[in-house]
């Protein structure tokens, strides 16, 4: 079922490109008048409004095409969900005000595609994301404060799933010394909407907590800057949810977004 996501999104995009062609070019032809059940005079009167609606449909299609081709799936997911929800809402309204054909041609394909997108988010069954499988950053202060929770990283359980579903989560290599890199990481972490639990400057390590945007669940974060040599360092990060078996991509997105901010603030 998950493999159907891109074909379904492509189908919705193609349908909306088709709607654009109908509303912008075909409506004034005899075929268009038959499809829209309009007389020649009515079609001429509605042409401007139909063309405007056609442009909306074309832009929705372009948005879905971008989401299909996006190299970072976690960034594309909110776009997919927003566009599909928009299409569903408009389709339901059109079904009520115009006819059931809109439900079949517009709303139903978008509903099916949205269900597959949501199913894909939950599919990995993983809520602990790290940039290193062999030596993941370890929670120390947070683990001490939450002794009832198990913060052990189980590579056998998570590595294969993360590699398949979140392949972009990798260590951030920085052409700077360990200390300079840590200074940047610390500044970016302080600006993030997190609660800093502990900063251990001597170990180049930060532990923090974050609240999920909608439901307010607590996620735990640990960041380590590791020395490669005097002029090269690596930033490693681990983000772990306290609730649920699947994080719907939140932890991987948090790591990638944080690394993007670090790269912007280097030097």
C-alpha atoms as a PDB file:
ATOM      1  CA  UNK A   1       0.000   0.000   0.000  1.00  0.00           C
ATOM      2  CA  UNK A   2       2.835   2.399   0.865  1.00  0.00           C
ATOM      3  CA  UNK A   3       4.309   1.958  -2.625  1.00  0.00           C
ATOM      4  CA  UNK A   4       1.113   3.483  -4.021  1.00  0.00           C
ATOM      5  CA  UNK A   5       1.817   6.926  -2.538  1.00  0.00           C
ATOM      6  CA  UNK A   6       3.640   8.458  -5.507  1.00  0.00           C
ATOM      7  CA  UNK A   7       1.338   6.919  -8.157  1.00  0.00           C
ATOM      8  CA  UNK A   8      -1.732   8.203  -6.270  1.00  0.00           C
ATOM      9  CA  UNK A   9      -0.240  11.676  -5.863  1.00  0.00           C
ATOM     10  CA  UNK A  10       0.644  11.644  -9.562  1.00  0.00           C
ATOM     11  CA  UNK A  11      -2.927  10.631 -10.403  1.00  0.00           C
ATOM     12  CA  UNK A  12      -4.349  13.534  -8.376  1.00  0.00           C
ATOM     13  CA  UNK A  13      -1.881  15.913 -10.046  1.00  0.00           C
ATOM     14  CA  UNK A  14      -2.802  14.660 -13.526  1.00  0.00           C
ATOM     15  CA  UNK A  15      -6.505  15.016 -12.754  1.00  0.00           C
ATOM     16  CA  UNK A  16      -5.998  18.645 -11.730  1.00  0.00           C
ATOM     17  CA  UNK A  17      -3.944  19.383 -14.824  1.00  0.00           C
ATOM     18  CA  UNK A  18      -6.871  17.918 -16.744  1.00  0.00           C
ATOM     19  CA  UNK A  19      -9.297  20.160 -14.841  1.00  0.00           C
ATOM     20  CA  UNK A  20      -7.132  23.148 -15.815  1.00  0.00           C
ATOM     21  CA  UNK A  21      -7.243  22.184 -19.499  1.00  0.00           C
ATOM     22  CA  UNK A  22     -11.017  21.715 -19.365  1.00  0.00           C
ATOM     23  CA  UNK A  23     -11.658  24.997 -17.559  1.00  0.00           C
ATOM     24  CA  UNK A  24      -9.167  27.078 -19.512  1.00  0.00           C
ATOM     25  CA  UNK A  25      -9.302  25.702 -23.066  1.00  0.00           C
ATOM     26  CA  UNK A  26     -12.110  23.186 -23.589  1.00  0.00           C
ATOM     27  CA  UNK A  27     -15.029  24.971 -21.951  1.00  0.00           C
ATOM     28  CA  UNK A  28     -15.776  27.115 -25.020  1.00  0.00           C
ATOM     29  CA  UNK A  29     -15.860  24.118 -27.385  1.00  0.00           C
ATOM     30  CA  UNK A  30     -18.937  21.971 -28.022  1.00  0.00           C
ATOM     31  CA  UNK A  31     -17.297  19.152 -26.045  1.00  0.00           C
ATOM     32  CA  UNK A  32     -16.667  21.463 -23.113  1.00  0.00           C
ATOM     33  CA  UNK A  33     -20.208  22.771 -23.178  1.00  0.00           C
ATOM     34  CA  UNK A  34     -21.484  19.192 -23.126  1.00  0.00           C
ATOM     35  CA  UNK A  35     -19.234  18.248 -20.201  1.00  0.00           C
ATOM     36  CA  UNK A  36     -20.190  21.312 -18.159  1.00  0.00           C
ATOM     37  CA  UNK A  37     -23.823  21.205 -19.343  1.00  0.00           C
ATOM     38  CA  UNK A  38     -23.742  24.817 -20.535  1.00  0.00           C
ATOM     39  CA  UNK A  39     -25.060  26.611 -23.563  1.00  0.00           C
ATOM     40  CA  UNK A  40     -22.626  28.541 -25.753  1.00  0.00           C
ATOM     41  CA  UNK A  41     -23.754  31.798 -24.154  1.00  0.00           C
ATOM     42  CA  UNK A  42     -23.413  30.421 -20.615  1.00  0.00           C
ATOM     43  CA  UNK A  43     -19.967  29.051 -21.383  1.00  0.00           C
ATOM     44  CA  UNK A  44     -18.837  32.445 -22.660  1.00  0.00           C
ATOM     45  CA  UNK A  45     -20.182  34.116 -19.521  1.00  0.00           C
ATOM     46  CA  UNK A  46     -18.467  31.605 -17.200  1.00  0.00           C
ATOM     47  CA  UNK A  47     -15.193  31.500 -19.096  1.00  0.00           C
ATOM     48  CA  UNK A  48     -13.282  34.030 -16.970  1.00  0.00           C
ATOM     49  CA  UNK A  49     -14.343  32.410 -13.695  1.00  0.00           C
ATOM     50  CA  UNK A  50     -13.628  28.911 -15.015  1.00  0.00           C
ATOM     51  CA  UNK A  51     -10.179  29.965 -16.222  1.00  0.00           C
ATOM     52  CA  UNK A  52      -9.407  31.396 -12.810  1.00  0.00           C
ATOM     53  CA  UNK A  53     -10.452  28.118 -11.185  1.00  0.00           C
ATOM     54  CA  UNK A  54      -8.339  26.256 -13.709  1.00  0.00           C
ATOM     55  CA  UNK A  55      -5.225  28.147 -12.608  1.00  0.00           C
ATOM     56  CA  UNK A  56      -5.919  27.123  -8.992  1.00  0.00           C
ATOM     57  CA  UNK A  57      -6.087  23.497 -10.101  1.00  0.00           C
ATOM     58  CA  UNK A  58      -2.866  23.816 -12.097  1.00  0.00           C
ATOM     59  CA  UNK A  59      -0.986  25.263  -9.106  1.00  0.00           C
ATOM     60  CA  UNK A  60      -2.259  22.459  -6.873  1.00  0.00           C
ATOM     61  CA  UNK A  61      -0.923  19.977  -9.422  1.00  0.00           C
ATOM     62  CA  UNK A  62       2.475  21.738  -9.471  1.00  0.00           C
ATOM     63  CA  UNK A  63       2.566  21.560  -5.657  1.00  0.00           C
ATOM     64  CA  UNK A  64       1.986  17.815  -5.718  1.00  0.00           C
ATOM     65  CA  UNK A  65       4.604  17.319  -8.431  1.00  0.00           C
ATOM     66  CA  UNK A  66       7.135  19.221  -6.297  1.00  0.00           C
ATOM     67  CA  UNK A  67       6.230  17.021  -3.303  1.00  0.00           C
ATOM     68  CA  UNK A  68       6.740  13.865  -5.392  1.00  0.00           C
ATOM     69  CA  UNK A  69      10.178  14.997  -6.598  1.00  0.00           C
ATOM     70  CA  UNK A  70      11.364  16.542  -3.315  1.00  0.00           C
ATOM     71  CA  UNK A  71      14.634  14.970  -2.141  1.00  0.00           C
ATOM     72  CA  UNK A  72      13.732  15.425   1.535  1.00  0.00           C
ATOM     73  CA  UNK A  73      10.476  13.512   2.138  1.00  0.00           C
ATOM     74  CA  UNK A  74       9.999  14.958   5.631  1.00  0.00           C
ATOM     75  CA  UNK A  75       9.840  18.482   4.183  1.00  0.00           C
ATOM     76  CA  UNK A  76       7.351  17.408   1.510  1.00  0.00           C
ATOM     77  CA  UNK A  77       4.895  15.625   3.810  1.00  0.00           C
ATOM     78  CA  UNK A  78       3.197  18.770   5.235  1.00  0.00           C
ATOM     79  CA  UNK A  79       2.815  20.102   1.679  1.00  0.00           C
ATOM     80  CA  UNK A  80       1.222  16.854   0.508  1.00  0.00           C
ATOM     81  CA  UNK A  81      -1.205  16.780   3.429  1.00  0.00           C
ATOM     82  CA  UNK A  82      -2.177  20.455   3.077  1.00  0.00           C
ATOM     83  CA  UNK A  83      -2.841  20.215  -0.670  1.00  0.00           C
ATOM     84  CA  UNK A  84      -4.787  16.966  -0.338  1.00  0.00           C
ATOM     85  CA  UNK A  85      -6.882  18.341   2.540  1.00  0.00           C
ATOM     86  CA  UNK A  86      -7.568  21.459   0.479  1.00  0.00           C
ATOM     87  CA  UNK A  87      -8.664  19.366  -2.497  1.00  0.00           C
ATOM     88  CA  UNK A  88     -10.865  17.192  -0.275  1.00  0.00           C
ATOM     89  CA  UNK A  89     -12.518  20.218   1.311  1.00  0.00           C
ATOM     90  CA  UNK A  90     -13.221  21.863  -2.033  1.00  0.00           C
ATOM     91  CA  UNK A  91     -14.399  18.536  -3.446  1.00  0.00           C
ATOM     92  CA  UNK A  92     -16.876  17.974  -0.617  1.00  0.00           C
ATOM     93  CA  UNK A  93     -18.215  21.497  -1.020  1.00  0.00           C
ATOM     94  CA  UNK A  94     -18.536  20.974  -4.770  1.00  0.00           C
ATOM     95  CA  UNK A  95     -20.337  17.670  -4.186  1.00  0.00           C
ATOM     96  CA  UNK A  96     -22.895  19.411  -2.013  1.00  0.00           C
ATOM     97  CA  UNK A  97     -23.404  22.421  -4.281  1.00  0.00           C
ATOM     98  CA  UNK A  98     -22.895  20.939  -7.769  1.00  0.00           C
ATOM     99  CA  UNK A  99     -23.119  17.158  -7.916  1.00  0.00           C
ATOM    100  CA  UNK A 100     -21.733  13.751  -7.007  1.00  0.00           C
ATOM    101  CA  UNK A 101     -19.396  13.663 -10.002  1.00  0.00           C
ATOM    102  CA  UNK A 102     -17.023  15.988  -8.155  1.00  0.00           C
ATOM    103  CA  UNK A 103     -16.907  13.550  -5.243  1.00  0.00           C
ATOM    104  CA  UNK A 104     -15.717  10.751  -7.530  1.00  0.00           C
ATOM    105  CA  UNK A 105     -13.314  12.745  -9.717  1.00  0.00           C
ATOM    106  CA  UNK A 106     -11.862  15.165  -7.172  1.00  0.00           C
ATOM    107  CA  UNK A 107     -12.463  14.304  -3.518  1.00  0.00           C
ATOM    108  CA  UNK A 108     -12.211  10.503  -3.570  1.00  0.00           C
ATOM    109  CA  UNK A 109      -8.744  10.217  -5.221  1.00  0.00           C
ATOM    110  CA  UNK A 110      -7.417  12.843  -2.805  1.00  0.00           C
ATOM    111  CA  UNK A 111      -8.924  11.003   0.190  1.00  0.00           C
ATOM    112  CA  UNK A 112      -7.265   7.740  -0.846  1.00  0.00           C
ATOM    113  CA  UNK A 113      -3.926   9.493  -1.435  1.00  0.00           C
ATOM    114  CA  UNK A 114      -4.136  11.221   1.968  1.00  0.00           C
ATOM    115  CA  UNK A 115      -4.795   7.927   3.751  1.00  0.00           C
ATOM    116  CA  UNK A 116      -1.715   6.420   2.099  1.00  0.00           C
ATOM    117  CA  UNK A 117       0.431   9.449   3.072  1.00  0.00           C
ATOM    118  CA  UNK A 118      -0.699   9.102   6.698  1.00  0.00           C
ATOM    119  CA  UNK A 119      -0.117   5.346   6.628  1.00  0.00           C
ATOM    120  CA  UNK A 120       3.411   5.907   5.315  1.00  0.00           C
ATOM    121  CA  UNK A 121       4.181   8.266   8.198  1.00  0.00           C
ATOM    122  CA  UNK A 122       3.244   5.597  10.709  1.00  0.00           C
ATOM    123  CA  UNK A 123       4.808   2.744   8.768  1.00  0.00           C
ATOM    124  CA  UNK A 124       8.397   2.649  10.109  1.00  0.00           C
ATOM    125  CA  UNK A 125       7.318   1.878  13.681  1.00  0.00           C
ATOM    126  CA  UNK A 126      10.349   3.775  14.951  1.00  0.00           C
ATOM    127  CA  UNK A 127      10.546   6.616  17.479  1.00  0.00           C
ATOM    128  CA  UNK A 128      14.292   6.822  18.162  1.00  0.00           C
ATOM    129  CA  UNK A 129      16.427   8.434  15.436  1.00  0.00           C
ATOM    130  CA  UNK A 130      20.210   8.768  15.559  1.00  0.00           C
ATOM    131  CA  UNK A 131      23.085   9.798  13.324  1.00  0.00           C
ATOM    132  CA  UNK A 132      25.218   6.852  14.474  1.00  0.00           C
ATOM    133  CA  UNK A 133      24.065   3.253  14.813  1.00  0.00           C
ATOM    134  CA  UNK A 134      27.333   1.922  16.233  1.00  0.00           C
ATOM    135  CA  UNK A 135      27.964   4.765  18.707  1.00  0.00           C
ATOM    136  CA  UNK A 136      24.720   6.705  19.218  1.00  0.00           C
ATOM    137  CA  UNK A 137      24.761   9.749  21.515  1.00  0.00           C
ATOM    138  CA  UNK A 138      23.757   8.679  25.013  1.00  0.00           C
ATOM    139  CA  UNK A 139      21.245  10.275  27.358  1.00  0.00           C
ATOM    140  CA  UNK A 140      22.783  10.735  30.791  1.00  0.00           C
ATOM    141  CA  UNK A 141      21.102  13.523  32.775  1.00  0.00           C
ATOM    142  CA  UNK A 142      17.718  12.888  31.140  1.00  0.00           C
ATOM    143  CA  UNK A 143      18.065   9.157  31.807  1.00  0.00           C
ATOM    144  CA  UNK A 144      18.876   9.864  35.460  1.00  0.00           C
ATOM    145  CA  UNK A 145      15.823  12.100  35.768  1.00  0.00           C
ATOM    146  CA  UNK A 146      13.587   9.479  34.148  1.00  0.00           C
ATOM    147  CA  UNK A 147      14.795   6.195  35.605  1.00  0.00           C
ATOM    148  CA  UNK A 148      11.503   4.504  34.816  1.00  0.00           C
ATOM    149  CA  UNK A 149      12.244   4.885  31.085  1.00  0.00           C
ATOM    150  CA  UNK A 150      14.641   2.817  29.007  1.00  0.00           C
ATOM    151  CA  UNK A 151      17.011   4.969  26.950  1.00  0.00           C
ATOM    152  CA  UNK A 152      18.993   2.073  25.497  1.00  0.00           C
ATOM    153  CA  UNK A 153      19.392   2.319  21.740  1.00  0.00           C
ATOM    154  CA  UNK A 154      18.477  -0.990  20.097  1.00  0.00           C
ATOM    155  CA  UNK A 155      20.299  -0.969  16.756  1.00  0.00           C
ATOM    156  CA  UNK A 156      18.880  -4.333  15.690  1.00  0.00           C
ATOM    157  CA  UNK A 157      15.369  -2.923  16.017  1.00  0.00           C
ATOM    158  CA  UNK A 158      15.859   0.539  14.518  1.00  0.00           C
ATOM    159  CA  UNK A 159      18.835   0.613  12.120  1.00  0.00           C
ATOM    160  CA  UNK A 160      17.235  -1.105   9.127  1.00  0.00           C
ATOM    161  CA  UNK A 161      14.016   0.897   9.419  1.00  0.00           C
ATOM    162  CA  UNK A 162      15.818   4.228   9.729  1.00  0.00           C
ATOM    163  CA  UNK A 163      18.091   3.447   6.796  1.00  0.00           C
ATOM    164  CA  UNK A 164      15.079   2.654   4.626  1.00  0.00           C
ATOM    165  CA  UNK A 165      12.730   5.458   5.621  1.00  0.00           C
ATOM    166  CA  UNK A 166      15.079   8.254   6.750  1.00  0.00           C
ATOM    167  CA  UNK A 167      18.265   7.856   4.666  1.00  0.00           C
ATOM    168  CA  UNK A 168      19.141  11.559   4.877  1.00  0.00           C
ATOM    169  CA  UNK A 169      19.790  11.421   8.645  1.00  0.00           C
ATOM    170  CA  UNK A 170      23.586  11.348   8.710  1.00  0.00           C
ATOM    171  CA  UNK A 171      26.310  12.986  10.834  1.00  0.00           C
ATOM    172  CA  UNK A 172      26.994  16.616   9.988  1.00  0.00           C
ATOM    173  CA  UNK A 173      30.635  16.974   8.935  1.00  0.00           C
ATOM    174  CA  UNK A 174      32.091  20.400   9.655  1.00  0.00           C
ATOM    175  CA  UNK A 175      35.431  21.824   8.488  1.00  0.00           C
ATOM    176  CA  UNK A 176      36.097  23.446  11.827  1.00  0.00           C
ATOM    177  CA  UNK A 177      37.650  22.495  15.122  1.00  0.00           C
ATOM    178  CA  UNK A 178      35.591  20.670  17.701  1.00  0.00           C
ATOM    179  CA  UNK A 179      35.396  23.746  19.939  1.00  0.00           C
ATOM    180  CA  UNK A 180      34.312  26.174  17.211  1.00  0.00           C
ATOM    181  CA  UNK A 181      31.701  23.724  15.974  1.00  0.00           C
ATOM    182  CA  UNK A 182      30.370  23.199  19.494  1.00  0.00           C
ATOM    183  CA  UNK A 183      30.084  26.966  20.002  1.00  0.00           C
ATOM    184  CA  UNK A 184      27.888  27.181  16.904  1.00  0.00           C
ATOM    185  CA  UNK A 185      25.833  24.139  17.906  1.00  0.00           C
ATOM    186  CA  UNK A 186      25.287  25.571  21.371  1.00  0.00           C
ATOM    187  CA  UNK A 187      24.125  28.931  19.980  1.00  0.00           C
ATOM    188  CA  UNK A 188      21.679  27.280  17.578  1.00  0.00           C
ATOM    189  CA  UNK A 189      20.338  24.977  20.319  1.00  0.00           C
ATOM    190  CA  UNK A 190      19.690  27.949  22.591  1.00  0.00           C
ATOM    191  CA  UNK A 191      17.639  29.602  19.862  1.00  0.00           C
ATOM    192  CA  UNK A 192      15.564  26.481  19.235  1.00  0.00           C
ATOM    193  CA  UNK A 193      12.184  26.062  20.909  1.00  0.00           C
ATOM    194  CA  UNK A 194      13.609  23.452  23.276  1.00  0.00           C
ATOM    195  CA  UNK A 195      14.254  23.258  26.990  1.00  0.00           C
ATOM    196  CA  UNK A 196      17.992  22.805  27.536  1.00  0.00           C
ATOM    197  CA  UNK A 197      18.429  20.212  30.286  1.00  0.00           C
ATOM    198  CA  UNK A 198      22.225  20.102  30.497  1.00  0.00           C
ATOM    199  CA  UNK A 199      25.216  21.498  28.627  1.00  0.00           C
ATOM    200  CA  UNK A 200      28.531  19.766  29.284  1.00  0.00           C
ATOM    201  CA  UNK A 201      31.109  21.952  27.583  1.00  0.00           C
ATOM    202  CA  UNK A 202      34.049  19.663  28.413  1.00  0.00           C
ATOM    203  CA  UNK A 203      32.306  16.759  26.696  1.00  0.00           C
ATOM    204  CA  UNK A 204      30.946  18.956  23.856  1.00  0.00           C
ATOM    205  CA  UNK A 205      27.471  17.648  24.661  1.00  0.00           C
ATOM    206  CA  UNK A 206      23.948  19.060  25.026  1.00  0.00           C
ATOM    207  CA  UNK A 207      20.805  17.364  26.336  1.00  0.00           C
ATOM    208  CA  UNK A 208      17.420  18.944  25.764  1.00  0.00           C
ATOM    209  CA  UNK A 209      13.682  18.311  25.596  1.00  0.00           C
ATOM    210  CA  UNK A 210      11.146  19.404  23.002  1.00  0.00           C
ATOM    211  CA  UNK A 211       7.358  19.441  22.848  1.00  0.00           C
ATOM    212  CA  UNK A 212       5.620  18.196  19.712  1.00  0.00           C
ATOM    213  CA  UNK A 213       3.734  20.910  17.900  1.00  0.00           C
ATOM    214  CA  UNK A 214       0.160  19.642  18.023  1.00  0.00           C
ATOM    215  CA  UNK A 215      -0.262  17.216  20.916  1.00  0.00           C
ATOM    216  CA  UNK A 216       2.496  18.490  23.174  1.00  0.00           C
ATOM    217  CA  UNK A 217       4.269  15.142  23.665  1.00  0.00           C
ATOM    218  CA  UNK A 218       7.784  15.281  25.105  1.00  0.00           C
ATOM    219  CA  UNK A 219      10.742  14.218  22.970  1.00  0.00           C
ATOM    220  CA  UNK A 220      14.292  13.886  24.293  1.00  0.00           C
ATOM    221  CA  UNK A 221      17.335  15.210  22.422  1.00  0.00           C
ATOM    222  CA  UNK A 222      21.063  14.699  22.818  1.00  0.00           C
ATOM    223  CA  UNK A 223      23.756  16.329  20.666  1.00  0.00           C
ATOM    224  CA  UNK A 224      27.474  15.586  20.628  1.00  0.00           C
ATOM    225  CA  UNK A 225      30.261  17.283  18.696  1.00  0.00           C
ATOM    226  CA  UNK A 226      32.994  14.729  18.040  1.00  0.00           C
ATOM    227  CA  UNK A 227      36.561  15.461  17.009  1.00  0.00           C
ATOM    228  CA  UNK A 228      37.838  13.925  13.785  1.00  0.00           C
ATOM    229  CA  UNK A 229      41.091  15.915  13.703  1.00  0.00           C
ATOM    230  CA  UNK A 230      42.214  19.450  14.553  1.00  0.00           C
ATOM    231  CA  UNK A 231      40.363  20.912  11.556  1.00  0.00           C
ATOM    232  CA  UNK A 232      37.415  18.562  11.173  1.00  0.00           C
ATOM    233  CA  UNK A 233      34.549  17.602  13.460  1.00  0.00           C
ATOM    234  CA  UNK A 234      31.231  15.770  13.283  1.00  0.00           C
ATOM    235  CA  UNK A 235      27.932  16.710  14.865  1.00  0.00           C
ATOM    236  CA  UNK A 236      25.939  13.720  16.047  1.00  0.00           C
ATOM    237  CA  UNK A 237      22.377  13.938  17.262  1.00  0.00           C
ATOM    238  CA  UNK A 238      19.744  11.628  18.645  1.00  0.00           C
ATOM    239  CA  UNK A 239      16.062  12.471  19.016  1.00  0.00           C
ATOM    240  CA  UNK A 240      13.743  10.072  20.833  1.00  0.00           C
ATOM    241  CA  UNK A 241       9.992  10.194  21.490  1.00  0.00           C
ATOM    242  CA  UNK A 242       8.663   9.167  24.868  1.00  0.00           C
ATOM    243  CA  UNK A 243       5.237   8.157  23.542  1.00  0.00           C
ATOM    244  CA  UNK A 244       4.074   5.891  20.736  1.00  0.00           C
ATOM    245  CA  UNK A 245       5.758   3.286  18.556  1.00  0.00           C
ATOM    246  CA  UNK A 246       6.010   5.615  15.553  1.00  0.00           C
ATOM    247  CA  UNK A 247       6.972   9.296  15.559  1.00  0.00           C
ATOM    248  CA  UNK A 248       5.415  10.181  12.160  1.00  0.00           C
ATOM    249  CA  UNK A 249       8.796  11.504  10.997  1.00  0.00           C
ATOM    250  CA  UNK A 250       9.061  14.182  13.702  1.00  0.00           C
ATOM    251  CA  UNK A 251      12.446  13.120  15.087  1.00  0.00           C
ATOM    252  CA  UNK A 252      14.171  12.817  11.705  1.00  0.00           C
ATOM    253  CA  UNK A 253      12.803  16.200  10.657  1.00  0.00           C
ATOM    254  CA  UNK A 254      14.024  17.743  13.920  1.00  0.00           C
ATOM    255  CA  UNK A 255      17.563  16.504  13.272  1.00  0.00           C
ATOM    256  CA  UNK A 256      17.621  17.612   9.635  1.00  0.00           C
ATOM    257  CA  UNK A 257      16.173  21.037  10.480  1.00  0.00           C
ATOM    258  CA  UNK A 258      18.694  21.523  13.285  1.00  0.00           C
ATOM    259  CA  UNK A 259      21.596  20.602  11.019  1.00  0.00           C
ATOM    260  CA  UNK A 260      20.310  23.060   8.414  1.00  0.00           C
ATOM    261  CA  UNK A 261      20.359  25.829  11.022  1.00  0.00           C
ATOM    262  CA  UNK A 262      23.856  24.857  12.147  1.00  0.00           C
ATOM    263  CA  UNK A 263      25.119  25.040   8.556  1.00  0.00           C
ATOM    264  CA  UNK A 264      23.563  28.495   8.177  1.00  0.00           C
ATOM    265  CA  UNK A 265      25.301  29.707  11.326  1.00  0.00           C
ATOM    266  CA  UNK A 266      28.771  28.278  10.730  1.00  0.00           C
ATOM    267  CA  UNK A 267      31.646  30.763  10.598  1.00  0.00           C
END
